[in-house]
Amino acid sequence: MHTFAFLIHPIEYDDIFRKLKFLQKVPVGIVKSLMKALPPVKVSKIEGVRSAYAATEGYFIGVPLVSDQMINLPEDFVIKKIIKAGKLAEKLGAEIVGLGAMTSVVGDAGITVSKNLNIAVTTGNSYTVATAIEGTIKAAEMMGKDIKDCNAVVIGATGSIGKVCAEILARDVKELTLVARNRERLKDFAETLMYRTGISPSITSNVDEALINADVVITVTSAVDTVIKPEYLKPGAVVCDVARPRDVSKEVVEKRDDVLVIEGGVVEVPGDVDFHFNFGFPPKTSYACMAETMILAMEGRIENYSLGRDMTVEQVEEIAALAKKHGFKLAGFRSFEKEVPIEKIKEIKMNARRKKLNISTYDMGSV
């Protein structure tokens, strides 16, 4: 049986305060200094991951840095902290380590980390893309949309993940719009995509303009600030935010009860899995990036995977096929670290219908 480890870290300071209640009254500045000084730690052992073909077990390793520290602290400091966590994974006997959340974004997306470890490394990005596409299509269906009739938008379309998402979506959607800052790179990719898929996408550097008629949106920029605001989206739009930091402003969820925002899919893990740690997911489910690490261990693919800024459709399809083989499957949706239940999606769908009806009635009345 091959073993794995997966690196996690607190997303927000509230995550720290929930686990370490004695820090709740400590000034945030002191908490930040404490996080910087603490070493990586074994959080829990993961047991019971089993398919019809193989089993695996592993560990959660905690990297004591919050998301804003991952972004704002010197890159070398953060990478060294991640490498130390990888070294702890080695000592625990892990053969492959997955980089969770912001640990997969810092620097060169795992390449430097892998060069400093004696075990395999993955960011989990390939299965993240696979479930993001699958989740977007399923969410659109739940909102009453057939993907073949949808106008789709990919924001950050010239990045490695954006290119793959666009190429996969191009097979199914009615219309496709690509959004990126660099117009020349955008034009070159649009021509390449047309050659590969036969679809002629629209291109723009204006996010607002792109979203006016968007039914489904996948956003994967590397922007530090949010790029999607509440006023940009039409009623009933489905937005899948794969970016870290997030591209979608929290205002979208707070102000638009007629728009569905998801962060890719929740993955059902095969077997009687016990994470021995509550990271806010329903029992026996995980992030796609966690699942990719488990899948590679179960398949005996002890090799670097999903590293760097380059990704291929073939890689995404390969990990999706291995996931299916071992019984990993989409189990639900998340949005801003919370579960999105079916009842909530039905409510959003109803609100979108009402808003569309009101808009239509207003337009008729103004004629």
Foldseek 3Di string as FASTA:
>chain_A
DAEEEEEDEAADVVVVCVVVVVCPPPDVVVLQVVLLPDAKDWDFKKDWQAFPQFGYIYTYIYRSHYQVCCVPPPLVSNLVRVLRSLVVRVVVPHQEYEYDASSQVGDFRCPVSCVSHPHAYEPLVLLLLVQLLVVQCVLLVLLVHHQQAFEEEEEQCLFQSNVLSQLVSLQRHPAYEYEDQDPVSQVVSQVVSCVVRVHRHHYDNQQLVSAQRGQEYEYAHADPEAQDAQVSHAFNHEYAFQYVVTNYDPNNVVPQLRYHYFPGFKKAGDTQMDNVDCQADPPRIDRSSVVLRRLCRGVVVGHYANTGGHDHNVSSVVSVVSCVVRPMDGDATDDPSHGQDSVSSVSSSVVSVVVVVVVVVVVVVVD
